[in-house]
PDB file of N, CA and C in Angstrom:
ATOM      1  N   MET A   1     -13.299 -59.626  -5.676  1.00  0.00           N
ATOM      2  CA  MET A   1     -12.539 -60.157  -6.106  1.00  0.00           C
ATOM      3  C   MET A   1     -12.014 -61.605  -5.705  1.00  0.00           C
ATOM      4  N   LYS A   2     -11.827 -61.520  -3.992  1.00  0.00           N
ATOM      5  CA  LYS A   2     -11.226 -62.044  -2.782  1.00  0.00           C
ATOM      6  C   LYS A   2     -12.380 -63.096  -3.158  1.00  0.00           C
ATOM      7  N   GLY A   3     -14.543 -63.103  -2.853  1.00  0.00           N
ATOM      8  CA  GLY A   3     -14.627 -64.611  -2.985  1.00  0.00           C
ATOM      9  C   GLY A   3     -14.498 -65.119  -4.339  1.00  0.00           C
ATOM     10  N   ILE A   4     -13.375 -64.494  -5.208  1.00  0.00           N
ATOM     11  CA  ILE A   4     -13.462 -66.199  -6.586  1.00  0.00           C
ATOM     12  C   ILE A   4     -11.737 -66.336  -6.104  1.00  0.00           C
ATOM     13  N   LEU A   5     -11.407 -65.513  -5.386  1.00  0.00           N
ATOM     14  CA  LEU A   5     -10.039 -66.463  -5.117  1.00  0.00           C
ATOM     15  C   LEU A   5     -10.110 -67.433  -3.784  1.00  0.00           C
ATOM     16  N   LEU A   6     -11.198 -67.042  -2.814  1.00  0.00           N
ATOM     17  CA  LEU A   6     -11.241 -67.998  -1.412  1.00  0.00           C
ATOM     18  C   LEU A   6     -11.804 -69.132  -2.285  1.00  0.00           C
ATOM     19  N   GLY A   7     -12.643 -68.824  -3.056  1.00  0.00           N
ATOM     20  CA  GLY A   7     -13.798 -70.216  -4.001  1.00  0.00           C
ATOM     21  C   GLY A   7     -12.823 -70.973  -4.468  1.00  0.00           C
ATOM     22  N   ALA A   8     -11.501 -69.843  -5.244  1.00  0.00           N
ATOM     23  CA  ALA A   8     -11.123 -71.035  -6.385  1.00  0.00           C
ATOM     24  C   ALA A   8     -10.021 -72.257  -5.044  1.00  0.00           C
ATOM     25  N   ALA A   9      -9.635 -71.272  -4.282  1.00  0.00           N
ATOM     26  CA  ALA A   9      -8.338 -72.171  -3.560  1.00  0.00           C
ATOM     27  C   ALA A   9      -9.458 -73.437  -2.545  1.00  0.00           C
ATOM     28  N   VAL A  10     -10.181 -72.604  -1.773  1.00  0.00           N
ATOM     29  CA  VAL A  10     -11.065 -73.608  -1.883  1.00  0.00           C
ATOM     30  C   VAL A  10     -11.648 -75.375  -2.498  1.00  0.00           C
ATOM     31  N   GLY A  11     -11.939 -75.068  -3.011  1.00  0.00           N
ATOM     32  CA  GLY A  11     -11.836 -75.740  -5.175  1.00  0.00           C
ATOM     33  C   GLY A  11     -10.787 -76.535  -5.154  1.00  0.00           C
ATOM     34  N   TYR A  12      -9.422 -75.996  -4.872  1.00  0.00           N
ATOM     35  CA  TYR A  12      -8.530 -76.764  -5.325  1.00  0.00           C
ATOM     36  C   TYR A  12      -8.027 -77.764  -4.162  1.00  0.00           C
ATOM     37  N   VAL A  13      -8.469 -77.116  -2.670  1.00  0.00           N
ATOM     38  CA  VAL A  13      -8.318 -78.366  -2.221  1.00  0.00           C
ATOM     39  C   VAL A  13      -8.318 -79.043  -2.125  1.00  0.00           C
ATOM     40  N   LEU A  14     -10.200 -78.799  -1.862  1.00  0.00           N
ATOM     41  CA  LEU A  14     -11.098 -80.149  -2.041  1.00  0.00           C
ATOM     42  C   LEU A  14     -10.804 -81.288  -3.056  1.00  0.00           C
ATOM     43  N   GLY A  15     -10.500 -80.595  -4.381  1.00  0.00           N
ATOM     44  CA  GLY A  15      -9.967 -81.603  -4.933  1.00  0.00           C
ATOM     45  C   GLY A  15      -9.169 -81.908  -5.827  1.00  0.00           C
ATOM     46  N   ALA A  16      -8.490 -81.251  -4.503  1.00  0.00           N
ATOM     47  CA  ALA A  16      -6.539 -82.345  -4.536  1.00  0.00           C
ATOM     48  C   ALA A  16      -6.762 -83.796  -3.644  1.00  0.00           C
ATOM     49  N   ARG A  17      -7.314 -83.057  -2.775  1.00  0.00           N
ATOM     50  CA  ARG A  17      -8.168 -84.050  -1.725  1.00  0.00           C
ATOM     51  C   ARG A  17      -8.992 -85.397  -1.843  1.00  0.00           C
ATOM     52  N   ALA A  18      -9.940 -85.086  -3.227  1.00  0.00           N
ATOM     53  CA  ALA A  18     -10.060 -86.696  -3.887  1.00  0.00           C
ATOM     54  C   ALA A  18      -9.810 -87.092  -5.468  1.00  0.00           C
ATOM     55  N   GLY A  19      -9.009 -85.899  -5.321  1.00  0.00           N
ATOM     56  CA  GLY A  19      -8.144 -86.523  -6.873  1.00  0.00           C
ATOM     57  C   GLY A  19      -6.496 -87.232  -6.097  1.00  0.00           C
ATOM     58  N   ARG A  20      -6.374 -87.236  -4.905  1.00  0.00           N
ATOM     59  CA  ARG A  20      -4.956 -88.020  -4.489  1.00  0.00           C
ATOM     60  C   ARG A  20      -5.828 -89.358  -4.529  1.00  0.00           C
ATOM     61  N   GLU A  21      -6.742 -89.245  -3.869  1.00  0.00           N
ATOM     62  CA  GLU A  21      -7.543 -91.073  -3.437  1.00  0.00           C
ATOM     63  C   GLU A  21      -8.207 -91.654  -4.579  1.00  0.00           C
ATOM     64  N   ARG A  22      -8.154 -91.208  -5.571  1.00  0.00           N
ATOM     65  CA  ARG A  22      -8.588 -91.423  -6.586  1.00  0.00           C
ATOM     66  C   ARG A  22      -7.354 -92.125  -7.294  1.00  0.00           C
ATOM     67  N   TYR A  23      -6.427 -91.383  -7.034  1.00  0.00           N
ATOM     68  CA  TYR A  23      -4.784 -91.791  -8.049  1.00  0.00           C
ATOM     69  C   TYR A  23      -4.535 -93.028  -6.767  1.00  0.00           C
ATOM     70  N   GLU A  24      -4.945 -93.113  -5.603  1.00  0.00           N
ATOM     71  CA  GLU A  24      -4.206 -94.417  -5.347  1.00  0.00           C
ATOM     72  C   GLU A  24      -4.960 -95.162  -5.369  1.00  0.00           C
ATOM     73  N   GLN A  25      -5.894 -95.702  -5.230  1.00  0.00           N
ATOM     74  CA  GLN A  25      -6.939 -96.323  -5.933  1.00  0.00           C
ATOM     75  C   GLN A  25      -6.441 -96.553  -7.587  1.00  0.00           C
ATOM     76  N   ILE A  26      -6.025 -95.927  -8.451  1.00  0.00           N
ATOM     77  CA  ILE A  26      -6.048 -96.438  -9.753  1.00  0.00           C
ATOM     78  C   ILE A  26      -4.804 -96.615 -10.029  1.00  0.00           C
ATOM     79  N   ALA A  27      -3.589 -96.555  -9.180  1.00  0.00           N
ATOM     80  CA  ALA A  27      -2.005 -96.673  -8.882  1.00  0.00           C
ATOM     81  C   ALA A  27      -1.550 -98.202  -8.454  1.00  0.00           C
ATOM     82  N   ARG A  28      -2.948 -98.896  -7.686  1.00  0.00           N
ATOM     83  CA  ARG A  28      -2.880 -99.574  -6.574  1.00  0.00           C
ATOM     84  C   ARG A  28      -3.309-100.753  -7.793  1.00  0.00           C
ATOM     85  N   ALA A  29      -4.042-100.681  -8.134  1.00  0.00           N
ATOM     86  CA  ALA A  29      -4.781-100.567  -9.452  1.00  0.00           C
ATOM     87  C   ALA A  29      -3.700-101.315 -10.425  1.00  0.00           C
ATOM     88  N   PHE A  30      -3.299-100.424 -11.437  1.00  0.00           N
ATOM     89  CA  PHE A  30      -2.043-100.406 -11.418  1.00  0.00           C
ATOM     90  C   PHE A  30      -0.857-101.533 -11.323  1.00  0.00           C
ATOM     91  N   HIS A  31      -0.600-101.506  -9.721  1.00  0.00           N
ATOM     92  CA  HIS A  31      -0.157-102.013  -9.978  1.00  0.00           C
ATOM     93  C   HIS A  31      -0.349-103.779  -9.304  1.00  0.00           C
ATOM     94  N   ALA A  32      -1.352-103.824  -9.249  1.00  0.00           N
ATOM     95  CA  ALA A  32      -2.163-105.387  -9.352  1.00  0.00           C
ATOM     96  C   ALA A  32      -1.732-106.090 -10.279  1.00  0.00           C
ATOM     97  N   VAL A  33      -2.269-105.374 -11.551  1.00  0.00           N
ATOM     98  CA  VAL A  33      -1.577-106.593 -12.604  1.00  0.00           C
ATOM     99  C   VAL A  33       0.067-106.503 -13.157  1.00  0.00           C
ATOM    100  N   ALA A  34       0.187-105.061 -12.690  1.00  0.00           N
ATOM    101  CA  ALA A  34       1.856-104.390 -13.581  1.00  0.00           C
ATOM    102  C   ALA A  34       2.017-105.967 -13.167  1.00  0.00           C
ATOM    103  N   ASP A  35       2.557-106.454 -11.441  1.00  0.00           N
ATOM    104  CA  ASP A  35       2.913-107.641 -10.446  1.00  0.00           C
ATOM    105  C   ASP A  35       2.479-109.288 -10.849  1.00  0.00           C
ATOM    106  N   HIS A  36       1.001-108.580 -12.084  1.00  0.00           N
ATOM    107  CA  HIS A  36       1.062-110.331 -12.549  1.00  0.00           C
ATOM    108  C   HIS A  36       2.073-110.824 -12.668  1.00  0.00           C
ATOM    109  N   PRO A  37       2.381-112.564 -12.370  1.00  0.00           N
ATOM    110  CA  PRO A  37       3.555-113.244 -13.058  1.00  0.00           C
ATOM    111  C   PRO A  37       2.571-113.701 -14.814  1.00  0.00           C
ATOM    112  N   ALA A  38       1.834-113.191 -14.797  1.00  0.00           N
ATOM    113  CA  ALA A  38       1.710-113.932 -16.251  1.00  0.00           C
ATOM    114  C   ALA A  38       2.126-112.661 -17.557  1.00  0.00           C
ATOM    115  N   VAL A  39       1.736-111.904 -16.302  1.00  0.00           N
ATOM    116  CA  VAL A  39       2.104-109.688 -17.150  1.00  0.00           C
ATOM    117  C   VAL A  39       3.235-110.051 -17.082  1.00  0.00           C
ATOM    118  N   GLN A  40       4.061-109.847 -16.623  1.00  0.00           N
ATOM    119  CA  GLN A  40       5.393-110.493 -15.934  1.00  0.00           C
ATOM    120  C   GLN A  40       6.624-110.847 -17.130  1.00  0.00           C
ATOM    121  N   GLY A  41       5.864-112.367 -17.004  1.00  0.00           N
ATOM    122  CA  GLY A  41       6.140-113.217 -18.239  1.00  0.00           C
ATOM    123  C   GLY A  41       6.064-112.684 -19.707  1.00  0.00           C
ATOM    124  N   ALA A  42       4.775-111.981 -20.089  1.00  0.00           N
ATOM    125  CA  ALA A  42       4.910-111.380 -21.334  1.00  0.00           C
ATOM    126  C   ALA A  42       5.727-110.024 -21.824  1.00  0.00           C
ATOM    127  N   ALA A  43       5.102-109.706 -20.871  1.00  0.00           N
ATOM    128  CA  ALA A  43       6.576-108.471 -20.704  1.00  0.00           C
ATOM    129  C   ALA A  43       7.851-109.082 -20.973  1.00  0.00           C
ATOM    130  N   GLY A  44       8.262-109.638 -20.380  1.00  0.00           N
ATOM    131  CA  GLY A  44       9.658-110.204 -20.962  1.00  0.00           C
ATOM    132  C   GLY A  44       9.728-110.777 -22.123  1.00  0.00           C
ATOM    133  N   ILE A  45       8.476-111.746 -22.778  1.00  0.00           N
ATOM    134  CA  ILE A  45       8.803-112.245 -23.789  1.00  0.00           C
ATOM    135  C   ILE A  45       8.999-110.937 -25.361  1.00  0.00           C
ATOM    136  N   VAL A  46       7.803-110.090 -24.479  1.00  0.00           N
ATOM    137  CA  VAL A  46       7.975-108.777 -25.935  1.00  0.00           C
ATOM    138  C   VAL A  46       8.924-107.840 -25.893  1.00  0.00           C
ATOM    139  N   ARG A  47      10.216-107.963 -24.102  1.00  0.00           N
ATOM    140  CA  ARG A  47      11.656-107.286 -24.542  1.00  0.00           C
ATOM    141  C   ARG A  47      12.157-107.901 -25.198  1.00  0.00           C
ATOM    142  N   ALA A  48      12.261-109.387 -24.983  1.00  0.00           N
ATOM    143  CA  ALA A  48      12.903-110.693 -25.840  1.00  0.00           C
ATOM    144  C   ALA A  48      13.318-110.348 -27.464  1.00  0.00           C
ATOM    145  N   LYS A  49      11.770-110.292 -27.985  1.00  0.00           N
ATOM    146  CA  LYS A  49      11.711-109.841 -29.119  1.00  0.00           C
ATOM    147  C   LYS A  49      12.075-108.611 -29.607  1.00  0.00           C
ATOM    148  N   VAL A  50      11.981-107.612 -28.581  1.00  0.00           N
ATOM    149  CA  VAL A  50      12.515-105.876 -29.443  1.00  0.00           C
ATOM    150  C   VAL A  50      13.346-105.684 -29.269  1.00  0.00           C
ATOM    151  N   SER A  51      14.158-106.736 -28.128  1.00  0.00           N
ATOM    152  CA  SER A  51      16.074-107.089 -28.723  1.00  0.00           C
ATOM    153  C   SER A  51      16.580-107.445 -29.566  1.00  0.00           C
ATOM    154  N   GLU A  52      15.777-108.677 -30.181  1.00  0.00           N
ATOM    155  CA  GLU A  52      15.825-109.442 -30.842  1.00  0.00           C
ATOM    156  C   GLU A  52      15.347-108.827 -32.200  1.00  0.00           C
ATOM    157  N   LYS A  53      15.241-107.800 -32.752  1.00  0.00           N
ATOM    158  CA  LYS A  53      14.947-107.137 -33.998  1.00  0.00           C
ATOM    159  C   LYS A  53      15.914-106.031 -34.002  1.00  0.00           C
ATOM    160  N   THR A  54      15.215-105.270 -32.898  1.00  0.00           N
ATOM    161  CA  THR A  54      15.833-104.048 -33.073  1.00  0.00           C
ATOM    162  C   THR A  54      17.105-103.507 -32.241  1.00  0.00           C
ATOM    163  N   GLY A  55      18.238-104.976 -31.526  1.00  0.00           N
ATOM    164  CA  GLY A  55      19.419-104.578 -31.303  1.00  0.00           C
ATOM    165  C   GLY A  55      19.144-103.725 -29.472  1.00  0.00           C
ATOM    166  N   PHE A  56      17.957-103.784 -29.126  1.00  0.00           N
ATOM    167  CA  PHE A  56      18.000-102.089 -28.012  1.00  0.00           C
ATOM    168  C   PHE A  56      17.991-103.539 -26.879  1.00  0.00           C
ATOM    169  N   GLY A  57      18.506-102.748 -25.519  1.00  0.00           N
ATOM    170  CA  GLY A  57      18.425-103.554 -24.425  1.00  0.00           C
ATOM    171  C   GLY A  57      19.122-104.810 -24.144  1.00  0.00           C
ATOM    172  N   ARG A  58      19.742-104.549 -25.349  1.00  0.00           N
ATOM    173  CA  ARG A  58      21.206-105.511 -24.732  1.00  0.00           C
ATOM    174  C   ARG A  58      22.443-105.162 -23.616  1.00  0.00           C
ATOM    175  N   ARG A  59      22.482-106.452 -22.851  1.00  0.00           N
ATOM    176  CA  ARG A  59      23.637-106.100 -21.685  1.00  0.00           C
ATOM    177  C   ARG A  59      25.096-105.322 -22.265  1.00  0.00           C
ATOM    178  N   SER A  60      24.732-105.236 -23.280  1.00  0.00           N
ATOM    179  CA  SER A  60      26.636-105.039 -23.307  1.00  0.00           C
ATOM    180  C   SER A  60      26.557-103.336 -24.303  1.00  0.00           C
ATOM    181  N   GLU A  61      24.921-103.228 -25.014  1.00  0.00           N
ATOM    182  CA  GLU A  61      25.269-101.674 -24.837  1.00  0.00           C
ATOM    183  C   GLU A  61      24.585-101.164 -23.296  1.00  0.00           C
ATOM    184  N   ALA A  62      24.067-101.302 -22.556  1.00  0.00           N
ATOM    185  CA  ALA A  62      23.583-100.659 -21.064  1.00  0.00           C
ATOM    186  C   ALA A  62      24.419-100.389 -20.176  1.00  0.00           C
ATOM    187  N   ARG A  63      26.183-101.655 -19.916  1.00  0.00           N
ATOM    188  CA  ARG A  63      27.452-101.322 -19.825  1.00  0.00           C
ATOM    189  C   ARG A  63      28.498 -99.522 -20.726  1.00  0.00           C
ATOM    190  N   THR A  64      27.479 -99.255 -21.989  1.00  0.00           N
ATOM    191  CA  THR A  64      28.312 -98.716 -22.628  1.00  0.00           C
ATOM    192  C   THR A  64      27.411 -96.834 -22.894  1.00  0.00           C
ATOM    193  N   ASN A  65      26.627 -97.348 -21.895  1.00  0.00           N
ATOM    194  CA  ASN A  65      25.858 -95.948 -22.207  1.00  0.00           C
ATOM    195  C   ASN A  65      24.610 -96.179 -23.577  1.00  0.00           C
ATOM    196  N   GLY A  66      24.464 -97.175 -24.263  1.00  0.00           N
ATOM    197  CA  GLY A  66      23.491 -97.123 -25.413  1.00  0.00           C
ATOM    198  C   GLY A  66      24.479 -97.289 -26.596  1.00  0.00           C
ATOM    199  N   HIS A  67      25.994 -97.123 -26.506  1.00  0.00           N
ATOM    200  CA  HIS A  67      26.490 -96.875 -27.557  1.00  0.00           C
ATOM    201  C   HIS A  67      27.188 -98.011 -28.227  1.00  0.00           C
ATOM    202  N   ARG A  68      27.106 -98.670 -29.399  1.00  0.00           N
ATOM    203  CA  ARG A  68      27.649 -99.654 -29.423  1.00  0.00           C
ATOM    204  C   ARG A  68      29.303-100.229 -29.264  1.00  0.00           C
ATOM    205  N   PRO A  69      29.330-100.531 -29.044  1.00  0.00           N
ATOM    206  CA  PRO A  69      31.215-100.357 -29.000  1.00  0.00           C
ATOM    207  C   PRO A  69      31.917-100.835 -30.724  1.00  0.00           C
ATOM    208  N   ASP A  70      33.435-100.228 -30.694  1.00  0.00           N
ATOM    209  CA  ASP A  70      33.351-100.762 -32.230  1.00  0.00           C
ATOM    210  C   ASP A  70      33.927-101.954 -33.038  1.00  0.00           C
ATOM    211  N   PRO A  71      33.313-102.864 -33.141  1.00  0.00           N
ATOM    212  CA  PRO A  71      33.402-104.015 -33.583  1.00  0.00           C
ATOM    213  C   PRO A  71      35.201-104.073 -33.672  1.00  0.00           C
ATOM    214  N   VAL A  72      36.196-105.625 -33.427  1.00  0.00           N
ATOM    215  CA  VAL A  72      36.652-106.109 -33.079  1.00  0.00           C
ATOM    216  C   VAL A  72      37.103-106.624 -34.796  1.00  0.00           C
ATOM    217  N   ILE A  73      38.104-106.017 -35.275  1.00  0.00           N
ATOM    218  CA  ILE A  73      38.435-106.014 -36.698  1.00  0.00           C
ATOM    219  C   ILE A  73      39.590-107.385 -36.941  1.00  0.00           C
ATOM    220  N   PRO A  74      39.589-108.564 -37.147  1.00  0.00           N
ATOM    221  CA  PRO A  74      40.705-109.620 -37.374  1.00  0.00           C
ATOM    222  C   PRO A  74      41.655-109.444 -38.008  1.00  0.00           C
ATOM    223  N   ARG A  75      43.086-109.602 -37.543  1.00  0.00           N
ATOM    224  CA  ARG A  75      44.525-109.501 -38.681  1.00  0.00           C
ATOM    225  C   ARG A  75      43.848-110.302 -39.536  1.00  0.00           C
ATOM    226  N   ALA A  76      44.985-109.582 -40.756  1.00  0.00           N
ATOM    227  CA  ALA A  76      44.363-110.763 -42.110  1.00  0.00           C
ATOM    228  C   ALA A  76      45.814-111.767 -41.875  1.00  0.00           C
ATOM    229  N   ASN A  77      47.094-111.543 -41.071  1.00  0.00           N
ATOM    230  CA  ASN A  77      47.904-112.132 -41.256  1.00  0.00           C
ATOM    231  C   ASN A  77      48.719-113.048 -39.215  1.00  0.00           C
ATOM    232  N   ALA A  78      46.772-112.946 -38.596  1.00  0.00           N
ATOM    233  CA  ALA A  78      47.079-113.203 -37.675  1.00  0.00           C
ATOM    234  C   ALA A  78      47.589-114.797 -37.375  1.00  0.00           C
ATOM    235  N   THR A  79      48.279-115.448 -37.014  1.00  0.00           N
ATOM    236  CA  THR A  79      48.934-117.029 -36.681  1.00  0.00           C
ATOM    237  C   THR A  79      48.452-117.269 -35.847  1.00  0.00           C
TER     238      THR A  79
END
């Protein structure tokens, strides 16, 4: 039983080290693509289109924690 636990512990440690290196490699590649100006521009266009169609992402909603403020109803007899 101790041999199984020791083998599992050694495998975990060695796998975690190799896994971390691979994770860092993938993360660097992702950030290189995500930080590219063309990708940033496309993401901005997509955000604008989604905001236009759904109303999500507007600045006024961000300041009100995602809740739309009550509409202002003008008075009927305003002078």
